[in-house]
Amino acid sequence: MSKAASPPISVVLVDDSEVVRMGLRALLGTEPDIQVAAEAGTVASGVAACARVRPRVVLLDIRLPDGTGFEACRQILQTSPDTRVLFLTSVVDDAMVDEAIRAGAHGYLLKEVDGRGLVSAIHDVAAGKSILDPAVTARLMHLVKSGGSGRDALASLSPQEKRVLALIAEGCTNKEVALKLGLSEKTVKNYLSTVFEKLHVSRRAEAAVIYAQGFREGKS
């Protein structure tokens, strides 16, 4: 099947600003392989829209009139577990970045991102990758450092587990890791479960940041 025959990536926009939603709809409307399926301005309407549409990706703001994007993220993933959640917000601080990851987010971008960057992020998140804004990565690095040495945490991993983690840190999907290492996807998932347990994390983004910190410490 050719790429042109593939169904477009369905997206739901959840932001309390109508102007922001209009801008996003206009931007994404120029992309033939992305379709804005619905939009919402509150947690309740966003969760309802995702339950109805079952989008591939949700662009989600943090500050909403009836709650937070974190609450919306958890509820969306409960009703539509195959949906990928990409936070798009003007807010970045340690607590919010950490909360977004713990809520199950697959990406976190600041609204300063340009149009090309946003479109690319939507494609990457839809493909199973984790996306973090450079400013967010810096924040996560700080969180990891405050909890201990990345190099010490990585020392508990086997050589193969480190190879799997290195590819995950590069943004590879489980399928891509399997192809690169000559493993089955099930084996990769098993390796990741062990890696997460050893590093005391539950998300790919957290594990990737620990790897990045340990790599930098090893070179210093």
N, C-alpha and C. Protein backbone atom coordinates (compact mmCIF):
# COMPACT_ATOMS: atom_id res chain seq x y z
N MET A 1 0.84 -1.19 0.00
CA MET A 1 0.00 0.00 0.00
C MET A 1 0.88 1.24 0.00
N SER A 2 0.56 2.17 -0.83
CA SER A 2 1.36 3.39 -0.93
C SER A 2 1.04 4.32 0.22
N LYS A 3 1.95 5.24 0.48
CA LYS A 3 1.74 6.21 1.56
C LYS A 3 0.51 7.04 1.30
N ALA A 4 0.23 7.37 0.01
CA ALA A 4 -0.92 8.19 -0.33
C ALA A 4 -2.23 7.50 0.01
N ALA A 5 -2.21 6.13 0.02
CA ALA A 5 -3.42 5.38 0.29
C ALA A 5 -3.67 5.21 1.78
N SER A 6 -2.71 5.55 2.61
CA SER A 6 -2.87 5.42 4.06
C SER A 6 -3.88 6.44 4.57
N PRO A 7 -4.70 6.06 5.55
CA PRO A 7 -5.68 7.01 6.09
C PRO A 7 -4.97 8.16 6.78
N PRO A 8 -5.55 9.35 6.77
CA PRO A 8 -4.93 10.49 7.44
C PRO A 8 -4.89 10.29 8.95
N ILE A 9 -3.98 10.97 9.60
CA ILE A 9 -3.89 10.94 11.05
C ILE A 9 -5.01 11.81 11.62
N SER A 10 -5.90 11.18 12.36
CA SER A 10 -7.01 11.93 12.96
C SER A 10 -6.53 12.63 14.22
N VAL A 11 -6.90 13.91 14.35
CA VAL A 11 -6.43 14.73 15.47
C VAL A 11 -7.61 15.43 16.13
N VAL A 12 -7.59 15.48 17.45
CA VAL A 12 -8.55 16.27 18.20
C VAL A 12 -7.80 17.40 18.89
N LEU A 13 -8.32 18.62 18.79
CA LEU A 13 -7.71 19.79 19.40
C LEU A 13 -8.45 20.12 20.69
N VAL A 14 -7.71 20.21 21.81
CA VAL A 14 -8.32 20.57 23.08
C VAL A 14 -7.57 21.75 23.66
N ASP A 15 -8.18 22.93 23.56
CA ASP A 15 -7.57 24.17 24.05
C ASP A 15 -8.70 25.14 24.37
N ASP A 16 -8.57 25.87 25.47
CA ASP A 16 -9.66 26.77 25.86
C ASP A 16 -9.73 28.03 25.00
N SER A 17 -8.71 28.29 24.19
CA SER A 17 -8.70 29.47 23.33
C SER A 17 -9.24 29.13 21.94
N GLU A 18 -10.34 29.76 21.57
CA GLU A 18 -10.90 29.53 20.24
C GLU A 18 -9.93 30.00 19.16
N VAL A 19 -9.21 31.10 19.44
CA VAL A 19 -8.25 31.62 18.48
C VAL A 19 -7.13 30.60 18.23
N VAL A 20 -6.64 29.98 19.29
CA VAL A 20 -5.59 28.96 19.14
C VAL A 20 -6.12 27.78 18.33
N ARG A 21 -7.32 27.33 18.64
CA ARG A 21 -7.90 26.20 17.90
C ARG A 21 -8.08 26.54 16.42
N MET A 22 -8.52 27.76 16.14
CA MET A 22 -8.69 28.19 14.75
C MET A 22 -7.35 28.19 14.01
N GLY A 23 -6.31 28.66 14.70
CA GLY A 23 -4.98 28.68 14.10
C GLY A 23 -4.46 27.28 13.82
N LEU A 24 -4.66 26.38 14.76
CA LEU A 24 -4.21 25.00 14.59
C LEU A 24 -4.99 24.32 13.47
N ARG A 25 -6.29 24.56 13.43
CA ARG A 25 -7.11 23.95 12.38
C ARG A 25 -6.66 24.44 11.00
N ALA A 26 -6.37 25.74 10.90
CA ALA A 26 -5.92 26.30 9.63
C ALA A 26 -4.58 25.71 9.22
N LEU A 27 -3.66 25.60 10.18
CA LEU A 27 -2.33 25.05 9.90
C LEU A 27 -2.43 23.59 9.46
N LEU A 28 -3.13 22.79 10.25
CA LEU A 28 -3.19 21.35 9.97
C LEU A 28 -4.07 21.06 8.75
N GLY A 29 -4.95 21.99 8.43
CA GLY A 29 -5.82 21.80 7.27
C GLY A 29 -5.07 21.80 5.95
N THR A 30 -3.83 22.30 5.97
CA THR A 30 -3.01 22.30 4.75
C THR A 30 -2.25 20.99 4.57
N GLU A 31 -2.35 20.10 5.57
CA GLU A 31 -1.64 18.83 5.52
C GLU A 31 -2.59 17.72 5.05
N PRO A 32 -2.35 17.14 3.88
CA PRO A 32 -3.26 16.12 3.35
C PRO A 32 -3.33 14.84 4.17
N ASP A 33 -2.28 14.57 4.97
CA ASP A 33 -2.28 13.33 5.75
C ASP A 33 -2.62 13.56 7.21
N ILE A 34 -3.17 14.73 7.53
CA ILE A 34 -3.65 15.01 8.88
C ILE A 34 -5.07 15.55 8.77
N GLN A 35 -5.97 15.03 9.59
CA GLN A 35 -7.36 15.47 9.58
C GLN A 35 -7.80 15.86 10.98
N VAL A 36 -8.23 17.09 11.16
CA VAL A 36 -8.77 17.53 12.45
C VAL A 36 -10.19 16.98 12.54
N ALA A 37 -10.38 16.01 13.43
CA ALA A 37 -11.66 15.31 13.53
C ALA A 37 -12.63 16.00 14.47
N ALA A 38 -12.10 16.75 15.45
CA ALA A 38 -12.96 17.43 16.41
C ALA A 38 -12.12 18.42 17.20
N GLU A 39 -12.80 19.32 17.89
CA GLU A 39 -12.10 20.24 18.78
C GLU A 39 -12.96 20.48 20.01
N ALA A 40 -12.30 20.91 21.10
CA ALA A 40 -13.01 21.13 22.36
C ALA A 40 -12.27 22.18 23.17
N GLY A 41 -13.00 22.79 24.11
CA GLY A 41 -12.41 23.85 24.92
C GLY A 41 -12.38 23.55 26.40
N THR A 42 -12.82 22.35 26.80
CA THR A 42 -12.85 21.97 28.21
C THR A 42 -12.41 20.53 28.38
N VAL A 43 -12.15 20.13 29.62
CA VAL A 43 -11.81 18.74 29.91
C VAL A 43 -12.96 17.84 29.51
N ALA A 44 -14.16 18.18 29.96
CA ALA A 44 -15.33 17.33 29.72
C ALA A 44 -15.61 17.14 28.23
N SER A 45 -15.61 18.23 27.48
CA SER A 45 -15.90 18.12 26.06
C SER A 45 -14.75 17.45 25.30
N GLY A 46 -13.52 17.64 25.77
CA GLY A 46 -12.38 16.99 25.15
C GLY A 46 -12.42 15.49 25.33
N VAL A 47 -12.72 15.05 26.55
CA VAL A 47 -12.82 13.61 26.83
C VAL A 47 -13.96 13.00 26.01
N ALA A 48 -15.09 13.71 25.96
CA ALA A 48 -16.24 13.22 25.21
C ALA A 48 -15.92 13.11 23.71
N ALA A 49 -15.22 14.12 23.18
CA ALA A 49 -14.85 14.11 21.76
C ALA A 49 -13.94 12.94 21.43
N CYS A 50 -12.98 12.67 22.31
CA CYS A 50 -12.05 11.56 22.07
C CYS A 50 -12.74 10.21 22.18
N ALA A 51 -13.68 10.10 23.10
CA ALA A 51 -14.43 8.85 23.22
C ALA A 51 -15.27 8.60 21.98
N ARG A 52 -15.75 9.69 21.38
CA ARG A 52 -16.60 9.57 20.19
C ARG A 52 -15.78 9.33 18.92
N VAL A 53 -14.68 10.08 18.78
CA VAL A 53 -13.91 10.06 17.53
C VAL A 53 -12.80 9.01 17.53
N ARG A 54 -12.26 8.71 18.72
CA ARG A 54 -11.11 7.80 18.85
C ARG A 54 -9.95 8.26 17.96
N PRO A 55 -9.44 9.47 18.19
CA PRO A 55 -8.38 10.01 17.33
C PRO A 55 -7.06 9.30 17.53
N ARG A 56 -6.18 9.43 16.55
CA ARG A 56 -4.83 8.89 16.70
C ARG A 56 -4.02 9.78 17.63
N VAL A 57 -4.21 11.11 17.52
CA VAL A 57 -3.45 12.07 18.33
C VAL A 57 -4.39 13.14 18.91
N VAL A 58 -4.12 13.52 20.15
CA VAL A 58 -4.80 14.66 20.77
C VAL A 58 -3.77 15.74 21.04
N LEU A 59 -4.05 16.96 20.59
CA LEU A 59 -3.24 18.12 20.99
C LEU A 59 -3.94 18.73 22.18
N LEU A 60 -3.27 18.74 23.32
CA LEU A 60 -3.92 19.04 24.59
C LEU A 60 -3.21 20.15 25.35
N ASP A 61 -3.97 21.15 25.76
CA ASP A 61 -3.41 22.22 26.59
C ASP A 61 -3.51 21.80 28.06
N ILE A 62 -2.75 22.47 28.92
CA ILE A 62 -2.77 22.13 30.34
C ILE A 62 -3.88 22.86 31.08
N ARG A 63 -4.01 24.15 30.83
CA ARG A 63 -4.97 24.97 31.57
C ARG A 63 -6.31 25.00 30.84
N LEU A 64 -7.31 24.38 31.46
CA LEU A 64 -8.65 24.32 30.89
C LEU A 64 -9.65 24.81 31.93
N PRO A 65 -10.79 25.35 31.51
CA PRO A 65 -11.72 25.99 32.45
C PRO A 65 -12.24 25.09 33.55
N ASP A 66 -12.43 23.80 33.26
CA ASP A 66 -13.04 22.89 34.24
C ASP A 66 -12.06 21.88 34.81
N GLY A 67 -10.77 22.14 34.67
CA GLY A 67 -9.77 21.22 35.21
C GLY A 67 -8.44 21.40 34.52
N THR A 68 -7.65 20.34 34.51
CA THR A 68 -6.33 20.42 33.89
C THR A 68 -6.20 19.41 32.75
N GLY A 69 -5.24 19.66 31.89
CA GLY A 69 -4.95 18.72 30.82
C GLY A 69 -4.50 17.37 31.35
N PHE A 70 -3.90 17.36 32.54
CA PHE A 70 -3.46 16.10 33.13
C PHE A 70 -4.67 15.20 33.41
N GLU A 71 -5.72 15.81 33.97
CA GLU A 71 -6.95 15.05 34.23
C GLU A 71 -7.54 14.54 32.91
N ALA A 72 -7.55 15.43 31.92
CA ALA A 72 -8.08 15.04 30.61
C ALA A 72 -7.27 13.91 30.01
N CYS A 73 -5.96 13.99 30.13
CA CYS A 73 -5.07 12.96 29.57
C CYS A 73 -5.39 11.60 30.15
N ARG A 74 -5.51 11.52 31.46
CA ARG A 74 -5.80 10.24 32.12
C ARG A 74 -7.14 9.68 31.66
N GLN A 75 -8.15 10.55 31.60
CA GLN A 75 -9.49 10.09 31.21
C GLN A 75 -9.52 9.66 29.74
N ILE A 76 -8.84 10.41 28.89
CA ILE A 76 -8.80 10.07 27.46
C ILE A 76 -8.15 8.71 27.25
N LEU A 77 -7.04 8.46 27.95
CA LEU A 77 -6.34 7.19 27.78
C LEU A 77 -7.12 6.02 28.37
N GLN A 78 -7.98 6.29 29.35
CA GLN A 78 -8.82 5.24 29.90
C GLN A 78 -9.87 4.80 28.90
N THR A 79 -10.47 5.78 28.20
CA THR A 79 -11.55 5.46 27.26
C THR A 79 -11.04 5.16 25.86
N SER A 80 -9.85 5.67 25.53
CA SER A 80 -9.28 5.47 24.20
C SER A 80 -7.79 5.20 24.32
N PRO A 81 -7.42 4.00 24.78
CA PRO A 81 -6.02 3.69 25.08
C PRO A 81 -5.07 3.75 23.90
N ASP A 82 -5.58 3.67 22.68
CA ASP A 82 -4.71 3.72 21.50
C ASP A 82 -4.42 5.15 21.05
N THR A 83 -5.09 6.11 21.67
CA THR A 83 -4.86 7.52 21.33
C THR A 83 -3.52 7.98 21.89
N ARG A 84 -2.82 8.80 21.15
CA ARG A 84 -1.54 9.35 21.59
C ARG A 84 -1.76 10.80 22.02
N VAL A 85 -1.27 11.15 23.19
CA VAL A 85 -1.51 12.48 23.76
C VAL A 85 -0.26 13.34 23.64
N LEU A 86 -0.41 14.47 22.97
CA LEU A 86 0.69 15.42 22.80
C LEU A 86 0.29 16.75 23.44
N PHE A 87 0.93 17.08 24.55
CA PHE A 87 0.65 18.36 25.19
C PHE A 87 1.24 19.49 24.35
N LEU A 88 0.45 20.53 24.14
CA LEU A 88 0.89 21.72 23.44
C LEU A 88 0.50 22.90 24.31
N THR A 89 1.48 23.49 24.97
CA THR A 89 1.18 24.47 26.00
C THR A 89 2.24 25.55 26.06
N SER A 90 1.90 26.64 26.72
CA SER A 90 2.87 27.72 26.92
C SER A 90 3.54 27.60 28.28
N VAL A 91 3.16 26.57 29.03
CA VAL A 91 3.63 26.41 30.40
C VAL A 91 4.69 25.32 30.49
N VAL A 92 5.80 25.62 31.15
CA VAL A 92 6.81 24.60 31.40
C VAL A 92 7.48 24.87 32.75
N ASP A 93 7.31 23.94 33.66
CA ASP A 93 8.08 23.96 34.90
C ASP A 93 8.24 22.51 35.36
N ASP A 94 9.10 22.31 36.34
CA ASP A 94 9.45 20.95 36.75
C ASP A 94 8.23 20.10 37.08
N ALA A 95 7.34 20.65 37.91
CA ALA A 95 6.20 19.87 38.39
C ALA A 95 5.26 19.50 37.25
N MET A 96 5.04 20.42 36.34
CA MET A 96 4.08 20.17 35.25
C MET A 96 4.64 19.17 34.24
N VAL A 97 5.92 19.26 33.94
CA VAL A 97 6.53 18.29 33.03
C VAL A 97 6.44 16.89 33.63
N ASP A 98 6.77 16.78 34.91
CA ASP A 98 6.71 15.50 35.59
C ASP A 98 5.29 14.96 35.62
N GLU A 99 4.33 15.83 35.90
CA GLU A 99 2.93 15.41 35.97
C GLU A 99 2.41 14.96 34.61
N ALA A 100 2.84 15.64 33.55
CA ALA A 100 2.42 15.25 32.20
C ALA A 100 2.87 13.84 31.87
N ILE A 101 4.12 13.52 32.19
CA ILE A 101 4.66 12.19 31.92
C ILE A 101 3.92 11.14 32.75
N ARG A 102 3.68 11.46 34.00
CA ARG A 102 3.00 10.51 34.88
C ARG A 102 1.54 10.32 34.47
N ALA A 103 0.96 11.31 33.82
CA ALA A 103 -0.42 11.18 33.34
C ALA A 103 -0.51 10.30 32.11
N GLY A 104 0.64 10.02 31.50
CA GLY A 104 0.66 9.13 30.34
C GLY A 104 0.91 9.81 29.02
N ALA A 105 1.31 11.09 29.05
CA ALA A 105 1.55 11.82 27.81
C ALA A 105 2.64 11.19 26.97
N HIS A 106 2.50 11.31 25.66
CA HIS A 106 3.49 10.78 24.73
C HIS A 106 4.38 11.89 24.15
N GLY A 107 4.07 13.12 24.50
CA GLY A 107 4.87 14.24 24.02
C GLY A 107 4.51 15.52 24.75
N TYR A 108 5.42 16.48 24.72
CA TYR A 108 5.22 17.76 25.41
C TYR A 108 5.94 18.84 24.61
N LEU A 109 5.17 19.71 23.98
CA LEU A 109 5.73 20.80 23.17
C LEU A 109 5.25 22.14 23.69
N LEU A 110 6.10 23.14 23.52
CA LEU A 110 5.71 24.50 23.84
C LEU A 110 5.08 25.15 22.61
N LYS A 111 4.18 26.10 22.84
CA LYS A 111 3.48 26.73 21.73
C LYS A 111 4.38 27.60 20.87
N GLU A 112 5.62 27.79 21.30
CA GLU A 112 6.59 28.52 20.48
C GLU A 112 7.06 27.70 19.28
N VAL A 113 6.73 26.41 19.26
CA VAL A 113 7.17 25.55 18.15
C VAL A 113 6.62 26.09 16.83
N ASP A 114 7.41 25.96 15.76
CA ASP A 114 6.94 26.44 14.46
C ASP A 114 6.03 25.39 13.82
N GLY A 115 5.38 25.79 12.72
CA GLY A 115 4.42 24.91 12.08
C GLY A 115 5.00 23.59 11.63
N ARG A 116 6.17 23.64 11.00
CA ARG A 116 6.82 22.42 10.54
C ARG A 116 7.14 21.49 11.70
N GLY A 117 7.61 22.11 12.78
CA GLY A 117 7.96 21.31 13.95
C GLY A 117 6.74 20.62 14.55
N LEU A 118 5.62 21.31 14.57
CA LEU A 118 4.40 20.72 15.11
C LEU A 118 3.91 19.58 14.23
N VAL A 119 3.88 19.79 12.94
CA VAL A 119 3.44 18.74 12.01
C VAL A 119 4.34 17.52 12.13
N SER A 120 5.64 17.75 12.20
CA SER A 120 6.59 16.64 12.35
C SER A 120 6.34 15.90 13.65
N ALA A 121 6.07 16.64 14.73
CA ALA A 121 5.82 16.02 16.03
C ALA A 121 4.56 15.16 15.99
N ILE A 122 3.53 15.64 15.32
CA ILE A 122 2.29 14.86 15.21
C ILE A 122 2.55 13.54 14.49
N HIS A 123 3.31 13.60 13.40
CA HIS A 123 3.65 12.38 12.68
C HIS A 123 4.46 11.42 13.55
N ASP A 124 5.44 11.96 14.28
CA ASP A 124 6.30 11.11 15.11
C ASP A 124 5.52 10.47 16.25
N VAL A 125 4.67 11.26 16.91
CA VAL A 125 3.88 10.72 18.01
C VAL A 125 2.90 9.67 17.50
N ALA A 126 2.29 9.94 16.36
CA ALA A 126 1.36 8.96 15.77
C ALA A 126 2.07 7.66 15.42
N ALA A 127 3.37 7.76 15.09
CA ALA A 127 4.16 6.58 14.73
C ALA A 127 4.67 5.82 15.94
N GLY A 128 4.39 6.34 17.14
CA GLY A 128 4.80 5.63 18.35
C GLY A 128 6.00 6.20 19.06
N LYS A 129 6.52 7.33 18.58
CA LYS A 129 7.68 7.93 19.21
C LYS A 129 7.26 8.89 20.32
N SER A 130 8.20 9.19 21.20
CA SER A 130 7.97 10.17 22.26
C SER A 130 8.66 11.48 21.87
N ILE A 131 7.96 12.59 22.06
CA ILE A 131 8.46 13.89 21.64
C ILE A 131 8.56 14.82 22.83
N LEU A 132 9.72 15.44 23.01
CA LEU A 132 9.90 16.41 24.07
C LEU A 132 10.54 17.68 23.51
N ASP A 133 9.97 18.82 23.86
CA ASP A 133 10.57 20.09 23.49
C ASP A 133 11.95 20.19 24.16
N PRO A 134 12.94 20.78 23.48
CA PRO A 134 14.27 20.92 24.09
C PRO A 134 14.24 21.55 25.48
N ALA A 135 13.37 22.54 25.67
CA ALA A 135 13.27 23.17 26.99
C ALA A 135 12.73 22.19 28.02
N VAL A 136 11.84 21.29 27.58
CA VAL A 136 11.29 20.29 28.47
C VAL A 136 12.35 19.26 28.85
N THR A 137 13.16 18.88 27.87
CA THR A 137 14.24 17.93 28.14
C THR A 137 15.18 18.47 29.20
N ALA A 138 15.47 19.76 29.13
CA ALA A 138 16.34 20.38 30.12
C ALA A 138 15.71 20.30 31.51
N ARG A 139 14.41 20.50 31.58
CA ARG A 139 13.72 20.39 32.87
C ARG A 139 13.78 18.96 33.41
N LEU A 140 13.55 17.99 32.53
CA LEU A 140 13.58 16.61 32.95
C LEU A 140 14.97 16.19 33.41
N MET A 141 15.97 16.71 32.73
CA MET A 141 17.34 16.44 33.15
C MET A 141 17.55 16.90 34.58
N HIS A 142 16.99 18.05 34.90
CA HIS A 142 17.12 18.58 36.26
C HIS A 142 16.42 17.66 37.25
N LEU A 143 15.22 17.18 36.88
CA LEU A 143 14.49 16.29 37.76
C LEU A 143 15.27 15.00 38.02
N VAL A 144 15.84 14.46 36.96
CA VAL A 144 16.61 13.22 37.09
C VAL A 144 17.84 13.44 37.96
N LYS A 145 18.54 14.55 37.73
CA LYS A 145 19.73 14.83 38.51
C LYS A 145 19.42 14.98 39.98
N SER A 146 18.28 15.56 40.28
CA SER A 146 17.92 15.75 41.69
C SER A 146 17.61 14.42 42.36
N GLY A 147 17.38 13.38 41.55
CA GLY A 147 17.07 12.08 42.11
C GLY A 147 18.24 11.12 42.11
N GLY A 148 19.37 11.52 41.59
CA GLY A 148 20.54 10.66 41.60
C GLY A 148 21.26 10.65 40.28
N SER A 149 22.34 9.93 40.22
CA SER A 149 23.18 9.89 39.04
C SER A 149 22.60 9.00 37.96
N GLY A 150 22.56 9.51 36.74
CA GLY A 150 22.10 8.71 35.62
C GLY A 150 23.02 7.55 35.35
N ARG A 151 24.34 7.78 35.49
CA ARG A 151 25.32 6.72 35.24
C ARG A 151 25.15 5.59 36.25
N ASP A 152 24.88 5.91 37.50
CA ASP A 152 24.67 4.89 38.51
C ASP A 152 23.42 4.07 38.21
N ALA A 153 22.37 4.75 37.75
CA ALA A 153 21.12 4.05 37.44
C ALA A 153 21.31 3.08 36.28
N LEU A 154 22.09 3.49 35.29
CA LEU A 154 22.30 2.65 34.11
C LEU A 154 23.21 1.45 34.39
N ALA A 155 23.97 1.53 35.46
CA ALA A 155 24.92 0.45 35.76
C ALA A 155 24.22 -0.88 36.02
N SER A 156 22.95 -0.83 36.39
CA SER A 156 22.23 -2.06 36.70
C SER A 156 21.72 -2.77 35.44
N LEU A 157 21.81 -2.11 34.29
CA LEU A 157 21.29 -2.69 33.05
C LEU A 157 22.31 -3.61 32.38
N SER A 158 21.80 -4.64 31.73
CA SER A 158 22.66 -5.54 30.96
C SER A 158 23.06 -4.84 29.66
N PRO A 159 24.08 -5.34 28.96
CA PRO A 159 24.48 -4.72 27.68
C PRO A 159 23.34 -4.65 26.68
N GLN A 160 22.54 -5.71 26.58
CA GLN A 160 21.43 -5.70 25.63
C GLN A 160 20.36 -4.70 26.05
N GLU A 161 20.09 -4.61 27.35
CA GLU A 161 19.11 -3.64 27.84
C GLU A 161 19.57 -2.22 27.54
N LYS A 162 20.87 -1.97 27.63
CA LYS A 162 21.41 -0.66 27.30
C LYS A 162 21.26 -0.35 25.82
N ARG A 163 21.43 -1.39 24.99
CA ARG A 163 21.28 -1.18 23.55
C ARG A 163 19.83 -0.83 23.21
N VAL A 164 18.90 -1.53 23.84
CA VAL A 164 17.48 -1.24 23.63
C VAL A 164 17.16 0.18 24.08
N LEU A 165 17.64 0.54 25.27
CA LEU A 165 17.37 1.87 25.81
C LEU A 165 17.98 2.96 24.94
N ALA A 166 19.18 2.73 24.41
CA ALA A 166 19.83 3.72 23.55
C ALA A 166 18.98 4.03 22.33
N LEU A 167 18.36 3.01 21.74
CA LEU A 167 17.52 3.21 20.56
C LEU A 167 16.21 3.90 20.94
N ILE A 168 15.68 3.57 22.10
CA ILE A 168 14.47 4.24 22.58
C ILE A 168 14.75 5.72 22.79
N ALA A 169 15.93 6.03 23.33
CA ALA A 169 16.33 7.42 23.58
C ALA A 169 16.47 8.19 22.27
N GLU A 170 16.74 7.48 21.17
CA GLU A 170 16.83 8.11 19.86
C GLU A 170 15.46 8.35 19.25
N GLY A 171 14.42 7.84 19.90
CA GLY A 171 13.07 8.04 19.40
C GLY A 171 12.51 6.88 18.61
N CYS A 172 13.21 5.73 18.63
CA CYS A 172 12.75 4.57 17.87
C CYS A 172 11.51 3.94 18.52
N THR A 173 10.64 3.42 17.69
CA THR A 173 9.51 2.65 18.17
C THR A 173 9.97 1.24 18.53
N ASN A 174 9.12 0.48 19.20
CA ASN A 174 9.47 -0.90 19.52
C ASN A 174 9.77 -1.70 18.26
N LYS A 175 8.98 -1.48 17.21
CA LYS A 175 9.19 -2.19 15.96
C LYS A 175 10.55 -1.86 15.35
N GLU A 176 10.92 -0.57 15.40
CA GLU A 176 12.21 -0.15 14.85
C GLU A 176 13.36 -0.73 15.65
N VAL A 177 13.21 -0.77 16.98
CA VAL A 177 14.24 -1.37 17.83
C VAL A 177 14.39 -2.85 17.49
N ALA A 178 13.27 -3.54 17.32
CA ALA A 178 13.29 -4.96 17.00
C ALA A 178 14.04 -5.22 15.68
N LEU A 179 13.77 -4.39 14.69
CA LEU A 179 14.43 -4.55 13.39
C LEU A 179 15.93 -4.30 13.49
N LYS A 180 16.31 -3.27 14.22
CA LYS A 180 17.73 -2.91 14.33
C LYS A 180 18.53 -3.96 15.10
N LEU A 181 17.90 -4.58 16.09
CA LEU A 181 18.62 -5.53 16.94
C LEU A 181 18.34 -6.99 16.60
N GLY A 182 17.49 -7.22 15.60
CA GLY A 182 17.18 -8.59 15.21
C GLY A 182 16.37 -9.33 16.26
N LEU A 183 15.45 -8.60 16.91
CA LEU A 183 14.62 -9.19 17.95
C LEU A 183 13.15 -9.14 17.54
N SER A 184 12.32 -9.84 18.27
CA SER A 184 10.88 -9.73 18.05
C SER A 184 10.37 -8.53 18.86
N GLU A 185 9.22 -7.98 18.46
CA GLU A 185 8.66 -6.86 19.21
C GLU A 185 8.32 -7.28 20.64
N LYS A 186 7.87 -8.52 20.82
CA LYS A 186 7.55 -9.00 22.16
C LYS A 186 8.78 -9.02 23.04
N THR A 187 9.92 -9.42 22.47
CA THR A 187 11.17 -9.43 23.23
C THR A 187 11.58 -8.01 23.62
N VAL A 188 11.41 -7.08 22.70
CA VAL A 188 11.73 -5.67 23.00
C VAL A 188 10.86 -5.17 24.14
N LYS A 189 9.57 -5.49 24.10
CA LYS A 189 8.66 -5.07 25.18
C LYS A 189 9.11 -5.64 26.51
N ASN A 190 9.55 -6.90 26.49
CA ASN A 190 10.02 -7.53 27.73
C ASN A 190 11.27 -6.83 28.26
N TYR A 191 12.19 -6.50 27.34
CA TYR A 191 13.39 -5.77 27.75
C TYR A 191 13.01 -4.42 28.35
N LEU A 192 12.07 -3.72 27.72
CA LEU A 192 11.67 -2.40 28.22
C LEU A 192 11.03 -2.49 29.60
N SER A 193 10.23 -3.52 29.81
CA SER A 193 9.61 -3.70 31.13
C SER A 193 10.68 -3.85 32.21
N THR A 194 11.71 -4.61 31.89
CA THR A 194 12.81 -4.81 32.85
C THR A 194 13.58 -3.51 33.06
N VAL A 195 13.83 -2.78 31.96
CA VAL A 195 14.54 -1.51 32.05
C VAL A 195 13.76 -0.52 32.92
N PHE A 196 12.46 -0.41 32.69
CA PHE A 196 11.63 0.51 33.47
C PHE A 196 11.68 0.15 34.96
N GLU A 197 11.63 -1.16 35.23
CA GLU A 197 11.65 -1.61 36.63
C GLU A 197 12.98 -1.27 37.29
N LYS A 198 14.08 -1.49 36.58
CA LYS A 198 15.40 -1.23 37.15
C LYS A 198 15.65 0.27 37.34
N LEU A 199 15.10 1.09 36.44
CA LEU A 199 15.32 2.54 36.53
C LEU A 199 14.26 3.23 37.38
N HIS A 200 13.27 2.46 37.83
CA HIS A 200 12.17 3.00 38.66
C HIS A 200 11.41 4.10 37.92
N VAL A 201 11.09 3.83 36.66
CA VAL A 201 10.29 4.75 35.86
C VAL A 201 9.15 3.97 35.23
N SER A 202 8.21 4.69 34.64
CA SER A 202 7.08 4.03 33.99
C SER A 202 6.86 4.51 32.56
N ARG A 203 7.68 5.48 32.11
CA ARG A 203 7.48 6.06 30.79
C ARG A 203 8.78 6.06 29.99
N ARG A 204 8.63 5.95 28.67
CA ARG A 204 9.79 5.97 27.78
C ARG A 204 10.57 7.27 27.92
N ALA A 205 9.85 8.39 28.05
CA ALA A 205 10.52 9.69 28.13
C ALA A 205 11.42 9.77 29.36
N GLU A 206 10.94 9.25 30.49
CA GLU A 206 11.74 9.26 31.71
C GLU A 206 13.00 8.41 31.53
N ALA A 207 12.84 7.23 30.94
CA ALA A 207 13.99 6.34 30.72
C ALA A 207 14.99 6.97 29.77
N ALA A 208 14.48 7.66 28.74
CA ALA A 208 15.35 8.30 27.76
C ALA A 208 16.18 9.40 28.39
N VAL A 209 15.58 10.15 29.30
CA VAL A 209 16.31 11.23 29.97
C VAL A 209 17.40 10.67 30.87
N ILE A 210 17.10 9.57 31.58
CA ILE A 210 18.12 8.94 32.42
C ILE A 210 19.28 8.46 31.55
N TYR A 211 18.97 7.89 30.40
CA TYR A 211 20.03 7.45 29.49
C TYR A 211 20.87 8.64 29.03
N ALA A 212 20.20 9.74 28.67
CA ALA A 212 20.92 10.92 28.19
C ALA A 212 21.84 11.47 29.28
N GLN A 213 21.35 11.49 30.50
CA GLN A 213 22.19 12.00 31.59
C GLN A 213 23.38 11.09 31.85
N GLY A 214 23.13 9.77 31.86
CA GLY A 214 24.21 8.83 32.10
C GLY A 214 25.25 8.89 31.00
N PHE A 215 24.81 9.08 29.75
CA PHE A 215 25.74 9.19 28.62
C PHE A 215 26.62 10.42 28.78
N ARG A 216 26.00 11.54 29.17
CA ARG A 216 26.78 12.77 29.32
C ARG A 216 27.77 12.66 30.48
N GLU A 217 27.33 12.01 31.57
CA GLU A 217 28.23 11.85 32.71
C GLU A 217 29.40 10.95 32.34
N GLY A 218 29.13 9.94 31.50
CA GLY A 218 30.19 9.04 31.08
C GLY A 218 31.24 9.72 30.23
N LYS A 219 30.83 10.77 29.50
CA LYS A 219 31.78 11.48 28.62
C LYS A 219 32.52 12.59 29.36
N SER A 220 31.99 12.98 30.54
CA SER A 220 32.61 14.09 31.27
C SER A 220 33.79 13.64 32.09
